[in-house]
Amino acid sequence: MTDRDYCQLERLVKVNRRYSLSNITSSFNSNKSKKKVSRRTLSFEKHGFHRRVARKRVVVKCFNRKKRLAWCLNERKWTVNGPWDKVIFSDKCQIIIGNDSRAYVWRRNGEGYRLNTS
């Protein structure tokens, strides 16, 4: 494989991070007319990509992040004996009994919580 092939492969992985190695190989082969590669030929580790378990996280939209920051800056002088007496915190929690299947993604080191993963 040439460097150009690896660049194409890297773009394909960045767009489809949750694809399995078989899906990536078949997508890559469908775009190539001359050469066909096997799953063993594709070396993602050479370019820093590793198969990792996708992290479960709460996705907060940009608009809501700005609203939260504005609220925090507004209320930063609250005291324990003041308005905090009237605040109740709650946390949404999901409990799964039984099979909790894992989702895997392709990523490089340090890309865990990036907002823009491409």
PDB file of N, CA and C in Angstrom:
ATOM      1  N   MET A   1       0.833  -1.181   0.000  1.00  0.00           N
ATOM      2  CA  MET A   1       0.000   0.000   0.000  1.00  0.00           C
ATOM      3  C   MET A   1       0.876   1.242   0.000  1.00  0.00           C
ATOM      4  N   THR A   2       0.416   2.239  -0.698  1.00  0.00           N
ATOM      5  CA  THR A   2       1.172   3.486  -0.782  1.00  0.00           C
ATOM      6  C   THR A   2       0.731   4.424   0.336  1.00  0.00           C
ATOM      7  N   ASP A   3       1.459   5.535   0.482  1.00  0.00           N
ATOM      8  CA  ASP A   3       1.088   6.541   1.482  1.00  0.00           C
ATOM      9  C   ASP A   3      -0.273   7.147   1.169  1.00  0.00           C
ATOM     10  N   ARG A   4      -0.572   7.275  -0.101  1.00  0.00           N
ATOM     11  CA  ARG A   4      -1.865   7.816  -0.508  1.00  0.00           C
ATOM     12  C   ARG A   4      -3.004   6.878  -0.088  1.00  0.00           C
ATOM     13  N   ASP A   5      -2.763   5.577  -0.201  1.00  0.00           N
ATOM     14  CA  ASP A   5      -3.753   4.597   0.251  1.00  0.00           C
ATOM     15  C   ASP A   5      -3.980   4.709   1.752  1.00  0.00           C
ATOM     16  N   TYR A   6      -2.907   4.910   2.504  1.00  0.00           N
ATOM     17  CA  TYR A   6      -3.039   5.048   3.950  1.00  0.00           C
ATOM     18  C   TYR A   6      -3.780   6.336   4.312  1.00  0.00           C
ATOM     19  N   CYS A   7      -3.587   7.406   3.557  1.00  0.00           N
ATOM     20  CA  CYS A   7      -4.335   8.645   3.802  1.00  0.00           C
ATOM     21  C   CYS A   7      -5.827   8.427   3.555  1.00  0.00           C
ATOM     22  N   GLN A   8      -6.142   7.703   2.499  1.00  0.00           N
ATOM     23  CA  GLN A   8      -7.531   7.394   2.204  1.00  0.00           C
ATOM     24  C   GLN A   8      -8.127   6.519   3.314  1.00  0.00           C
ATOM     25  N   LEU A   9      -7.360   5.566   3.773  1.00  0.00           N
ATOM     26  CA  LEU A   9      -7.799   4.689   4.845  1.00  0.00           C
ATOM     27  C   LEU A   9      -8.026   5.470   6.142  1.00  0.00           C
ATOM     28  N   GLU A  10      -7.149   6.406   6.436  1.00  0.00           N
ATOM     29  CA  GLU A  10      -7.287   7.237   7.629  1.00  0.00           C
ATOM     30  C   GLU A  10      -8.555   8.080   7.577  1.00  0.00           C
ATOM     31  N   ARG A  11      -8.863   8.652   6.417  1.00  0.00           N
ATOM     32  CA  ARG A  11     -10.108   9.407   6.261  1.00  0.00           C
ATOM     33  C   ARG A  11     -11.323   8.515   6.482  1.00  0.00           C
ATOM     34  N   LEU A  12     -11.264   7.302   5.958  1.00  0.00           N
ATOM     35  CA  LEU A  12     -12.359   6.351   6.099  1.00  0.00           C
ATOM     36  C   LEU A  12     -12.583   5.979   7.562  1.00  0.00           C
ATOM     37  N   VAL A  13     -11.507   5.790   8.302  1.00  0.00           N
ATOM     38  CA  VAL A  13     -11.611   5.436   9.715  1.00  0.00           C
ATOM     39  C   VAL A  13     -12.147   6.611  10.529  1.00  0.00           C
ATOM     40  N   LYS A  14     -11.712   7.826  10.225  1.00  0.00           N
ATOM     41  CA  LYS A  14     -12.164   8.999  10.961  1.00  0.00           C
ATOM     42  C   LYS A  14     -13.658   9.245  10.775  1.00  0.00           C
ATOM     43  N   VAL A  15     -14.170   8.936   9.598  1.00  0.00           N
ATOM     44  CA  VAL A  15     -15.595   9.138   9.334  1.00  0.00           C
ATOM     45  C   VAL A  15     -16.427   8.032   9.982  1.00  0.00           C
ATOM     46  N   ASN A  16     -15.917   6.808   9.968  1.00  0.00           N
ATOM     47  CA  ASN A  16     -16.655   5.655  10.479  1.00  0.00           C
ATOM     48  C   ASN A  16     -15.911   5.029  11.647  1.00  0.00           C
ATOM     49  N   ARG A  17     -15.849   5.708  12.753  1.00  0.00           N
ATOM     50  CA  ARG A  17     -15.049   5.250  13.888  1.00  0.00           C
ATOM     51  C   ARG A  17     -15.578   3.968  14.514  1.00  0.00           C
ATOM     52  N   ARG A  18     -16.856   3.683  14.384  1.00  0.00           N
ATOM     53  CA  ARG A  18     -17.439   2.503  15.020  1.00  0.00           C
ATOM     54  C   ARG A  18     -17.472   1.288  14.095  1.00  0.00           C
ATOM     55  N   TYR A  19     -16.996   1.420  12.889  1.00  0.00           N
ATOM     56  CA  TYR A  19     -16.987   0.279  11.966  1.00  0.00           C
ATOM     57  C   TYR A  19     -16.025  -0.796  12.451  1.00  0.00           C
ATOM     58  N   SER A  20     -16.357  -2.021  12.152  1.00  0.00           N
ATOM     59  CA  SER A  20     -15.436  -3.113  12.449  1.00  0.00           C
ATOM     60  C   SER A  20     -14.353  -3.150  11.378  1.00  0.00           C
ATOM     61  N   LEU A  21     -13.322  -3.941  11.624  1.00  0.00           N
ATOM     62  CA  LEU A  21     -12.229  -4.058  10.654  1.00  0.00           C
ATOM     63  C   LEU A  21     -12.735  -4.642   9.342  1.00  0.00           C
ATOM     64  N   SER A  22     -13.690  -5.563   9.390  1.00  0.00           N
ATOM     65  CA  SER A  22     -14.254  -6.148   8.166  1.00  0.00           C
ATOM     66  C   SER A  22     -14.988  -5.095   7.352  1.00  0.00           C
ATOM     67  N   ASN A  23     -15.772  -4.259   8.021  1.00  0.00           N
ATOM     68  CA  ASN A  23     -16.511  -3.209   7.311  1.00  0.00           C
ATOM     69  C   ASN A  23     -15.572  -2.182   6.690  1.00  0.00           C
ATOM     70  N   ILE A  24     -14.538  -1.819   7.420  1.00  0.00           N
ATOM     71  CA  ILE A  24     -13.574  -0.848   6.884  1.00  0.00           C
ATOM     72  C   ILE A  24     -12.856  -1.431   5.671  1.00  0.00           C
ATOM     73  N   THR A  25     -12.470  -2.697   5.763  1.00  0.00           N
ATOM     74  CA  THR A  25     -11.785  -3.353   4.643  1.00  0.00           C
ATOM     75  C   THR A  25     -12.678  -3.422   3.418  1.00  0.00           C
ATOM     76  N   SER A  26     -13.939  -3.790   3.603  1.00  0.00           N
ATOM     77  CA  SER A  26     -14.840  -3.884   2.449  1.00  0.00           C
ATOM     78  C   SER A  26     -15.126  -2.509   1.859  1.00  0.00           C
ATOM     79  N   SER A  27     -15.274  -1.479   2.697  1.00  0.00           N
ATOM     80  CA  SER A  27     -15.472  -0.119   2.183  1.00  0.00           C
ATOM     81  C   SER A  27     -14.246   0.364   1.420  1.00  0.00           C
ATOM     82  N   PHE A  28     -13.075   0.059   1.971  1.00  0.00           N
ATOM     83  CA  PHE A  28     -11.833   0.467   1.317  1.00  0.00           C
ATOM     84  C   PHE A  28     -11.681  -0.244  -0.029  1.00  0.00           C
ATOM     85  N   ASN A  29     -12.008  -1.539  -0.062  1.00  0.00           N
ATOM     86  CA  ASN A  29     -11.890  -2.298  -1.311  1.00  0.00           C
ATOM     87  C   ASN A  29     -12.920  -1.878  -2.351  1.00  0.00           C
ATOM     88  N   SER A  30     -14.075  -1.430  -1.923  1.00  0.00           N
ATOM     89  CA  SER A  30     -15.081  -0.992  -2.897  1.00  0.00           C
ATOM     90  C   SER A  30     -14.661   0.310  -3.570  1.00  0.00           C
ATOM     91  N   ASN A  31     -13.858   1.126  -2.877  1.00  0.00           N
ATOM     92  CA  ASN A  31     -13.365   2.374  -3.473  1.00  0.00           C
ATOM     93  C   ASN A  31     -12.157   2.146  -4.375  1.00  0.00           C
ATOM     94  N   LYS A  32     -11.435   1.065  -4.157  1.00  0.00           N
ATOM     95  CA  LYS A  32     -10.248   0.766  -4.959  1.00  0.00           C
ATOM     96  C   LYS A  32     -10.643  -0.153  -6.099  1.00  0.00           C
ATOM     97  N   SER A  33     -10.235   0.167  -7.301  1.00  0.00           N
ATOM     98  CA  SER A  33     -10.588  -0.684  -8.441  1.00  0.00           C
ATOM     99  C   SER A  33      -9.476  -1.682  -8.780  1.00  0.00           C
ATOM    100  N   LYS A  34      -8.222  -1.307  -8.557  1.00  0.00           N
ATOM    101  CA  LYS A  34      -7.115  -2.177  -8.965  1.00  0.00           C
ATOM    102  C   LYS A  34      -6.713  -3.152  -7.874  1.00  0.00           C
ATOM    103  N   LYS A  35      -6.402  -2.629  -6.687  1.00  0.00           N
ATOM    104  CA  LYS A  35      -5.865  -3.467  -5.630  1.00  0.00           C
ATOM    105  C   LYS A  35      -6.956  -3.787  -4.614  1.00  0.00           C
ATOM    106  N   LYS A  36      -6.933  -5.015  -4.143  1.00  0.00           N
ATOM    107  CA  LYS A  36      -7.799  -5.425  -3.040  1.00  0.00           C
ATOM    108  C   LYS A  36      -6.891  -5.817  -1.886  1.00  0.00           C
ATOM    109  N   VAL A  37      -7.248  -5.398  -0.685  1.00  0.00           N
ATOM    110  CA  VAL A  37      -6.439  -5.717   0.479  1.00  0.00           C
ATOM    111  C   VAL A  37      -7.266  -6.553   1.448  1.00  0.00           C
ATOM    112  N   SER A  38      -6.572  -7.340   2.259  1.00  0.00           N
ATOM    113  CA  SER A  38      -7.252  -8.143   3.264  1.00  0.00           C
ATOM    114  C   SER A  38      -7.228  -7.413   4.597  1.00  0.00           C
ATOM    115  N   ARG A  39      -7.939  -7.972   5.569  1.00  0.00           N
ATOM    116  CA  ARG A  39      -7.961  -7.360   6.901  1.00  0.00           C
ATOM    117  C   ARG A  39      -6.584  -7.374   7.531  1.00  0.00           C
ATOM    118  N   ARG A  40      -5.806  -8.393   7.242  1.00  0.00           N
ATOM    119  CA  ARG A  40      -4.471  -8.492   7.840  1.00  0.00           C
ATOM    120  C   ARG A  40      -3.510  -7.458   7.267  1.00  0.00           C
ATOM    121  N   THR A  41      -3.755  -7.031   6.034  1.00  0.00           N
ATOM    122  CA  THR A  41      -2.872  -6.062   5.393  1.00  0.00           C
ATOM    123  C   THR A  41      -3.003  -4.682   6.023  1.00  0.00           C
ATOM    124  N   LEU A  42      -4.224  -4.334   6.409  1.00  0.00           N
ATOM    125  CA  LEU A  42      -4.458  -2.997   6.965  1.00  0.00           C
ATOM    126  C   LEU A  42      -3.823  -2.894   8.341  1.00  0.00           C
ATOM    127  N   SER A  43      -2.888  -1.988   8.481  1.00  0.00           N
ATOM    128  CA  SER A  43      -2.178  -1.803   9.739  1.00  0.00           C
ATOM    129  C   SER A  43      -2.543  -0.438  10.323  1.00  0.00           C
ATOM    130  N   PHE A  44      -3.509  -0.415  11.226  1.00  0.00           N
ATOM    131  CA  PHE A  44      -3.912   0.847  11.833  1.00  0.00           C
ATOM    132  C   PHE A  44      -2.928   1.291  12.902  1.00  0.00           C
ATOM    133  N   GLU A  45      -2.262   0.345  13.539  1.00  0.00           N
ATOM    134  CA  GLU A  45      -1.321   0.692  14.601  1.00  0.00           C
ATOM    135  C   GLU A  45      -0.164   1.520  14.067  1.00  0.00           C
ATOM    136  N   LYS A  46       0.200   1.310  12.809  1.00  0.00           N
ATOM    137  CA  LYS A  46       1.288   2.074  12.193  1.00  0.00           C
ATOM    138  C   LYS A  46       0.959   3.569  12.180  1.00  0.00           C
ATOM    139  N   HIS A  47      -0.334   3.882  12.063  1.00  0.00           N
ATOM    140  CA  HIS A  47      -0.766   5.282  12.018  1.00  0.00           C
ATOM    141  C   HIS A  47      -1.389   5.743  13.331  1.00  0.00           C
ATOM    142  N   GLY A  48      -1.230   4.964  14.377  1.00  0.00           N
ATOM    143  CA  GLY A  48      -1.649   5.400  15.701  1.00  0.00           C
ATOM    144  C   GLY A  48      -3.074   5.060  16.087  1.00  0.00           C
ATOM    145  N   PHE A  49      -3.843   4.404  15.239  1.00  0.00           N
ATOM    146  CA  PHE A  49      -5.220   4.057  15.575  1.00  0.00           C
ATOM    147  C   PHE A  49      -5.259   2.737  16.338  1.00  0.00           C
ATOM    148  N   HIS A  50      -6.065   2.711  17.380  1.00  0.00           N
ATOM    149  CA  HIS A  50      -6.242   1.506  18.174  1.00  0.00           C
ATOM    150  C   HIS A  50      -7.724   1.287  18.389  1.00  0.00           C
ATOM    151  N   ARG A  51      -8.118   0.042  18.561  1.00  0.00           N
ATOM    152  CA  ARG A  51      -9.506  -0.305  18.826  1.00  0.00           C
ATOM    153  C   ARG A  51      -9.739  -0.202  20.323  1.00  0.00           C
ATOM    154  N   ARG A  52     -10.618   0.692  20.736  1.00  0.00           N
ATOM    155  CA  ARG A  52     -10.881   0.937  22.150  1.00  0.00           C
ATOM    156  C   ARG A  52     -12.380   0.873  22.423  1.00  0.00           C
ATOM    157  N   VAL A  53     -12.715   0.642  23.687  1.00  0.00           N
ATOM    158  CA  VAL A  53     -14.112   0.667  24.101  1.00  0.00           C
ATOM    159  C   VAL A  53     -14.567   2.123  24.115  1.00  0.00           C
ATOM    160  N   ALA A  54     -15.721   2.381  23.496  1.00  0.00           N
ATOM    161  CA  ALA A  54     -16.255   3.744  23.462  1.00  0.00           C
ATOM    162  C   ALA A  54     -16.657   4.157  24.868  1.00  0.00           C
ATOM    163  N   ARG A  55     -16.304   5.357  25.235  1.00  0.00           N
ATOM    164  CA  ARG A  55     -16.639   5.855  26.564  1.00  0.00           C
ATOM    165  C   ARG A  55     -18.083   6.327  26.584  1.00  0.00           C
ATOM    166  N   LYS A  56     -18.738   6.031  27.679  1.00  0.00           N
ATOM    167  CA  LYS A  56     -20.105   6.503  27.849  1.00  0.00           C
ATOM    168  C   LYS A  56     -20.017   7.889  28.468  1.00  0.00           C
ATOM    169  N   ARG A  57     -20.629   8.849  27.841  1.00  0.00           N
ATOM    170  CA  ARG A  57     -20.583  10.205  28.361  1.00  0.00           C
ATOM    171  C   ARG A  57     -21.862  10.928  27.993  1.00  0.00           C
ATOM    172  N   VAL A  58     -22.146  11.951  28.734  1.00  0.00           N
ATOM    173  CA  VAL A  58     -23.299  12.779  28.465  1.00  0.00           C
ATOM    174  C   VAL A  58     -22.874  13.838  27.460  1.00  0.00           C
ATOM    175  N   VAL A  59     -23.605  13.938  26.377  1.00  0.00           N
ATOM    176  CA  VAL A  59     -23.285  14.917  25.352  1.00  0.00           C
ATOM    177  C   VAL A  59     -24.070  16.189  25.643  1.00  0.00           C
ATOM    178  N   VAL A  60     -23.360  17.280  25.878  1.00  0.00           N
ATOM    179  CA  VAL A  60     -23.989  18.565  26.143  1.00  0.00           C
ATOM    180  C   VAL A  60     -23.796  19.434  24.912  1.00  0.00           C
ATOM    181  N   LYS A  61     -24.901  19.938  24.395  1.00  0.00           N
ATOM    182  CA  LYS A  61     -24.830  20.771  23.190  1.00  0.00           C
ATOM    183  C   LYS A  61     -24.138  22.088  23.495  1.00  0.00           C
ATOM    184  N   CYS A  62     -23.605  22.700  22.459  1.00  0.00           N
ATOM    185  CA  CYS A  62     -22.847  23.943  22.594  1.00  0.00           C
ATOM    186  C   CYS A  62     -23.706  25.041  23.233  1.00  0.00           C
ATOM    187  N   PHE A  63     -24.954  25.140  22.807  1.00  0.00           N
ATOM    188  CA  PHE A  63     -25.854  26.156  23.345  1.00  0.00           C
ATOM    189  C   PHE A  63     -26.035  25.973  24.854  1.00  0.00           C
ATOM    190  N   ASN A  64     -26.229  24.719  25.289  1.00  0.00           N
ATOM    191  CA  ASN A  64     -26.420  24.457  26.715  1.00  0.00           C
ATOM    192  C   ASN A  64     -25.141  24.674  27.517  1.00  0.00           C
ATOM    193  N   ARG A  65     -23.983  24.406  26.912  1.00  0.00           N
ATOM    194  CA  ARG A  65     -22.721  24.689  27.600  1.00  0.00           C
ATOM    195  C   ARG A  65     -22.580  26.172  27.887  1.00  0.00           C
ATOM    196  N   LYS A  66     -22.956  27.004  26.913  1.00  0.00           N
ATOM    197  CA  LYS A  66     -22.877  28.453  27.102  1.00  0.00           C
ATOM    198  C   LYS A  66     -23.851  28.913  28.182  1.00  0.00           C
ATOM    199  N   LYS A  67     -25.061  28.325  28.203  1.00  0.00           N
ATOM    200  CA  LYS A  67     -26.035  28.680  29.230  1.00  0.00           C
ATOM    201  C   LYS A  67     -25.542  28.279  30.611  1.00  0.00           C
ATOM    202  N   ARG A  68     -24.940  27.112  30.733  1.00  0.00           N
ATOM    203  CA  ARG A  68     -24.415  26.660  32.021  1.00  0.00           C
ATOM    204  C   ARG A  68     -23.298  27.573  32.513  1.00  0.00           C
ATOM    205  N   LEU A  69     -22.399  27.938  31.607  1.00  0.00           N
ATOM    206  CA  LEU A  69     -21.298  28.818  31.992  1.00  0.00           C
ATOM    207  C   LEU A  69     -21.826  30.176  32.437  1.00  0.00           C
ATOM    208  N   ALA A  70     -22.803  30.721  31.712  1.00  0.00           N
ATOM    209  CA  ALA A  70     -23.379  32.020  32.090  1.00  0.00           C
ATOM    210  C   ALA A  70     -24.039  31.938  33.462  1.00  0.00           C
ATOM    211  N   TRP A  71     -24.751  30.847  33.740  1.00  0.00           N
ATOM    212  CA  TRP A  71     -25.393  30.678  35.040  1.00  0.00           C
ATOM    213  C   TRP A  71     -24.345  30.595  36.146  1.00  0.00           C
ATOM    214  N   CYS A  72     -23.296  29.830  35.921  1.00  0.00           N
ATOM    215  CA  CYS A  72     -22.239  29.685  36.928  1.00  0.00           C
ATOM    216  C   CYS A  72     -21.558  31.015  37.216  1.00  0.00           C
ATOM    217  N   LEU A  73     -21.294  31.784  36.171  1.00  0.00           N
ATOM    218  CA  LEU A  73     -20.643  33.074  36.369  1.00  0.00           C
ATOM    219  C   LEU A  73     -21.569  34.037  37.104  1.00  0.00           C
ATOM    220  N   ASN A  74     -22.869  33.944  36.825  1.00  0.00           N
ATOM    221  CA  ASN A  74     -23.859  34.797  37.494  1.00  0.00           C
ATOM    222  C   ASN A  74     -23.974  34.476  38.973  1.00  0.00           C
ATOM    223  N   GLU A  75     -23.986  33.199  39.314  1.00  0.00           N
ATOM    224  CA  GLU A  75     -24.278  32.766  40.676  1.00  0.00           C
ATOM    225  C   GLU A  75     -23.026  32.360  41.459  1.00  0.00           C
ATOM    226  N   ARG A  76     -21.856  32.767  41.042  1.00  0.00           N
ATOM    227  CA  ARG A  76     -20.634  32.304  41.686  1.00  0.00           C
ATOM    228  C   ARG A  76     -20.437  32.854  43.102  1.00  0.00           C
ATOM    229  N   LYS A  77     -21.172  33.875  43.478  1.00  0.00           N
ATOM    230  CA  LYS A  77     -21.014  34.452  44.813  1.00  0.00           C
ATOM    231  C   LYS A  77     -22.040  33.921  45.808  1.00  0.00           C
ATOM    232  N   TRP A  78     -22.782  32.883  45.429  1.00  0.00           N
ATOM    233  CA  TRP A  78     -23.736  32.286  46.364  1.00  0.00           C
ATOM    234  C   TRP A  78     -22.983  31.721  47.566  1.00  0.00           C
ATOM    235  N   THR A  79     -23.608  31.765  48.715  1.00  0.00           N
ATOM    236  CA  THR A  79     -23.012  31.197  49.923  1.00  0.00           C
ATOM    237  C   THR A  79     -23.782  29.948  50.337  1.00  0.00           C
ATOM    238  N   VAL A  80     -23.202  29.188  51.249  1.00  0.00           N
ATOM    239  CA  VAL A  80     -23.820  27.943  51.705  1.00  0.00           C
ATOM    240  C   VAL A  80     -25.133  28.225  52.435  1.00  0.00           C
ATOM    241  N   ASN A  81     -25.174  29.288  53.220  1.00  0.00           N
ATOM    242  CA  ASN A  81     -26.379  29.613  53.980  1.00  0.00           C
ATOM    243  C   ASN A  81     -27.364  30.460  53.182  1.00  0.00           C
ATOM    244  N   GLY A  82     -27.025  30.814  51.953  1.00  0.00           N
ATOM    245  CA  GLY A  82     -27.894  31.648  51.129  1.00  0.00           C
ATOM    246  C   GLY A  82     -28.770  30.806  50.211  1.00  0.00           C
ATOM    247  N   PRO A  83     -28.736  31.091  48.923  1.00  0.00           N
ATOM    248  CA  PRO A  83     -29.604  30.404  47.961  1.00  0.00           C
ATOM    249  C   PRO A  83     -29.331  28.904  47.832  1.00  0.00           C
ATOM    250  N   TRP A  84     -28.139  28.417  48.226  1.00  0.00           N
ATOM    251  CA  TRP A  84     -27.858  26.981  48.095  1.00  0.00           C
ATOM    252  C   TRP A  84     -28.759  26.132  48.981  1.00  0.00           C
ATOM    253  N   ASP A  85     -29.403  26.742  49.999  1.00  0.00           N
ATOM    254  CA  ASP A  85     -30.340  25.998  50.848  1.00  0.00           C
ATOM    255  C   ASP A  85     -31.557  25.519  50.074  1.00  0.00           C
ATOM    256  N   LYS A  86     -31.890  26.192  48.990  1.00  0.00           N
ATOM    257  CA  LYS A  86     -33.100  25.877  48.234  1.00  0.00           C
ATOM    258  C   LYS A  86     -32.825  25.046  46.976  1.00  0.00           C
ATOM    259  N   VAL A  87     -31.584  24.620  46.771  1.00  0.00           N
ATOM    260  CA  VAL A  87     -31.215  23.880  45.563  1.00  0.00           C
ATOM    261  C   VAL A  87     -31.201  22.386  45.851  1.00  0.00           C
ATOM    262  N   ILE A  88     -31.838  21.628  44.966  1.00  0.00           N
ATOM    263  CA  ILE A  88     -31.831  20.168  45.071  1.00  0.00           C
ATOM    264  C   ILE A  88     -31.132  19.629  43.832  1.00  0.00           C
ATOM    265  N   PHE A  89     -30.151  18.763  44.032  1.00  0.00           N
ATOM    266  CA  PHE A  89     -29.434  18.162  42.921  1.00  0.00           C
ATOM    267  C   PHE A  89     -30.011  16.790  42.630  1.00  0.00           C
ATOM    268  N   SER A  90     -30.119  16.481  41.358  1.00  0.00           N
ATOM    269  CA  SER A  90     -30.555  15.136  40.976  1.00  0.00           C
ATOM    270  C   SER A  90     -29.642  14.645  39.863  1.00  0.00           C
ATOM    271  N   ASP A  91     -29.538  13.349  39.752  1.00  0.00           N
ATOM    272  CA  ASP A  91     -28.680  12.747  38.745  1.00  0.00           C
ATOM    273  C   ASP A  91     -29.464  11.656  38.039  1.00  0.00           C
ATOM    274  N   LYS A  92     -29.550  11.735  36.726  1.00  0.00           N
ATOM    275  CA  LYS A  92     -30.231  10.684  35.977  1.00  0.00           C
ATOM    276  C   LYS A  92     -29.287   9.494  35.878  1.00  0.00           C
ATOM    277  N   CYS A  93     -29.805   8.329  36.113  1.00  0.00           N
ATOM    278  CA  CYS A  93     -28.990   7.133  36.134  1.00  0.00           C
ATOM    279  C   CYS A  93     -29.689   6.030  35.360  1.00  0.00           C
ATOM    280  N   GLN A  94     -28.951   5.311  34.562  1.00  0.00           N
ATOM    281  CA  GLN A  94     -29.495   4.195  33.800  1.00  0.00           C
ATOM    282  C   GLN A  94     -28.923   2.903  34.373  1.00  0.00           C
ATOM    283  N   ILE A  95     -29.799   1.984  34.691  1.00  0.00           N
ATOM    284  CA  ILE A  95     -29.378   0.704  35.238  1.00  0.00           C
ATOM    285  C   ILE A  95     -29.753  -0.378  34.241  1.00  0.00           C
ATOM    286  N   ILE A  96     -28.780  -1.179  33.832  1.00  0.00           N
ATOM    287  CA  ILE A  96     -29.017  -2.254  32.881  1.00  0.00           C
ATOM    288  C   ILE A  96     -28.768  -3.577  33.588  1.00  0.00           C
ATOM    289  N   ILE A  97     -29.776  -4.423  33.576  1.00  0.00           N
ATOM    290  CA  ILE A  97     -29.638  -5.746  34.162  1.00  0.00           C
ATOM    291  C   ILE A  97     -29.505  -6.726  33.010  1.00  0.00           C
ATOM    292  N   GLY A  98     -28.441  -7.485  32.999  1.00  0.00           N
ATOM    293  CA  GLY A  98     -28.236  -8.455  31.927  1.00  0.00           C
ATOM    294  C   GLY A  98     -27.100  -8.049  31.025  1.00  0.00           C
ATOM    295  N   ASN A  99     -27.280  -8.267  29.733  1.00  0.00           N
ATOM    296  CA  ASN A  99     -26.220  -8.064  28.755  1.00  0.00           C
ATOM    297  C   ASN A  99     -26.072  -6.584  28.409  1.00  0.00           C
ATOM    298  N   ASP A 100     -24.929  -6.030  28.702  1.00  0.00           N
ATOM    299  CA  ASP A 100     -24.605  -4.654  28.327  1.00  0.00           C
ATOM    300  C   ASP A 100     -23.510  -4.720  27.273  1.00  0.00           C
ATOM    301  N   SER A 101     -23.897  -4.710  26.007  1.00  0.00           N
ATOM    302  CA  SER A 101     -22.910  -4.876  24.937  1.00  0.00           C
ATOM    303  C   SER A 101     -22.035  -3.626  24.818  1.00  0.00           C
ATOM    304  N   ARG A 102     -20.787  -3.849  24.572  1.00  0.00           N
ATOM    305  CA  ARG A 102     -19.833  -2.756  24.440  1.00  0.00           C
ATOM    306  C   ARG A 102     -19.760  -2.293  23.003  1.00  0.00           C
ATOM    307  N   ALA A 103     -19.548  -1.007  22.839  1.00  0.00           N
ATOM    308  CA  ALA A 103     -19.323  -0.437  21.513  1.00  0.00           C
ATOM    309  C   ALA A 103     -17.841  -0.084  21.422  1.00  0.00           C
ATOM    310  N   TYR A 104     -17.226  -0.391  20.300  1.00  0.00           N
ATOM    311  CA  TYR A 104     -15.805  -0.117  20.098  1.00  0.00           C
ATOM    312  C   TYR A 104     -15.629   0.967  19.052  1.00  0.00           C
ATOM    313  N   VAL A 105     -14.580   1.753  19.213  1.00  0.00           N
ATOM    314  CA  VAL A 105     -14.257   2.815  18.259  1.00  0.00           C
ATOM    315  C   VAL A 105     -12.773   2.767  17.943  1.00  0.00           C
ATOM    316  N   TRP A 106     -12.414   3.313  16.787  1.00  0.00           N
ATOM    317  CA  TRP A 106     -11.002   3.482  16.409  1.00  0.00           C
ATOM    318  C   TRP A 106     -10.607   4.891  16.799  1.00  0.00           C
ATOM    319  N   ARG A 107      -9.543   5.015  17.586  1.00  0.00           N
ATOM    320  CA  ARG A 107      -9.062   6.345  17.931  1.00  0.00           C
ATOM    321  C   ARG A 107      -7.578   6.303  18.278  1.00  0.00           C
ATOM    322  N   ARG A 108      -6.994   7.482  18.273  1.00  0.00           N
ATOM    323  CA  ARG A 108      -5.594   7.637  18.655  1.00  0.00           C
ATOM    324  C   ARG A 108      -5.522   7.988  20.133  1.00  0.00           C
ATOM    325  N   ASN A 109      -4.326   7.933  20.681  1.00  0.00           N
ATOM    326  CA  ASN A 109      -4.144   8.326  22.076  1.00  0.00           C
ATOM    327  C   ASN A 109      -4.490   9.796  22.245  1.00  0.00           C
ATOM    328  N   GLY A 110      -5.215  10.115  23.293  1.00  0.00           N
ATOM    329  CA  GLY A 110      -5.571  11.500  23.577  1.00  0.00           C
ATOM    330  C   GLY A 110      -6.839  11.979  22.897  1.00  0.00           C
ATOM    331  N   GLU A 111      -7.523  11.139  22.153  1.00  0.00           N
ATOM    332  CA  GLU A 111      -8.740  11.566  21.449  1.00  0.00           C
ATOM    333  C   GLU A 111     -10.009  11.172  22.201  1.00  0.00           C
ATOM    334  N   GLY A 112      -9.911  10.846  23.456  1.00  0.00           N
ATOM    335  CA  GLY A 112     -11.044  10.308  24.189  1.00  0.00           C
ATOM    336  C   GLY A 112     -12.262  11.194  24.230  1.00  0.00           C
ATOM    337  N   TYR A 113     -12.120  12.442  24.664  1.00  0.00           N
ATOM    338  CA  TYR A 113     -13.263  13.321  24.842  1.00  0.00           C
ATOM    339  C   TYR A 113     -13.210  14.544  23.927  1.00  0.00           C
ATOM    340  N   ARG A 114     -12.616  14.417  22.774  1.00  0.00           N
ATOM    341  CA  ARG A 114     -12.585  15.537  21.846  1.00  0.00           C
ATOM    342  C   ARG A 114     -13.977  15.836  21.355  1.00  0.00           C
ATOM    343  N   LEU A 115     -14.316  17.121  21.214  1.00  0.00           N
ATOM    344  CA  LEU A 115     -15.646  17.498  20.741  1.00  0.00           C
ATOM    345  C   LEU A 115     -15.814  17.164  19.278  1.00  0.00           C
ATOM    346  N   ASN A 116     -14.807  17.460  18.467  1.00  0.00           N
ATOM    347  CA  ASN A 116     -14.849  17.151  17.045  1.00  0.00           C
ATOM    348  C   ASN A 116     -13.905  15.995  16.814  1.00  0.00           C
ATOM    349  N   THR A 117     -14.443  14.781  16.511  1.00  0.00           N
ATOM    350  CA  THR A 117     -13.610  13.599  16.429  1.00  0.00           C
ATOM    351  C   THR A 117     -13.062  13.355  15.041  1.00  0.00           C
ATOM    352  N   SER A 118     -13.373  14.175  14.097  1.00  0.00           N
ATOM    353  CA  SER A 118     -12.848  13.937  12.740  1.00  0.00           C
ATOM    354  C   SER A 118     -11.548  14.629  12.522  1.00  0.00           C
TER     355      SER A 118
END
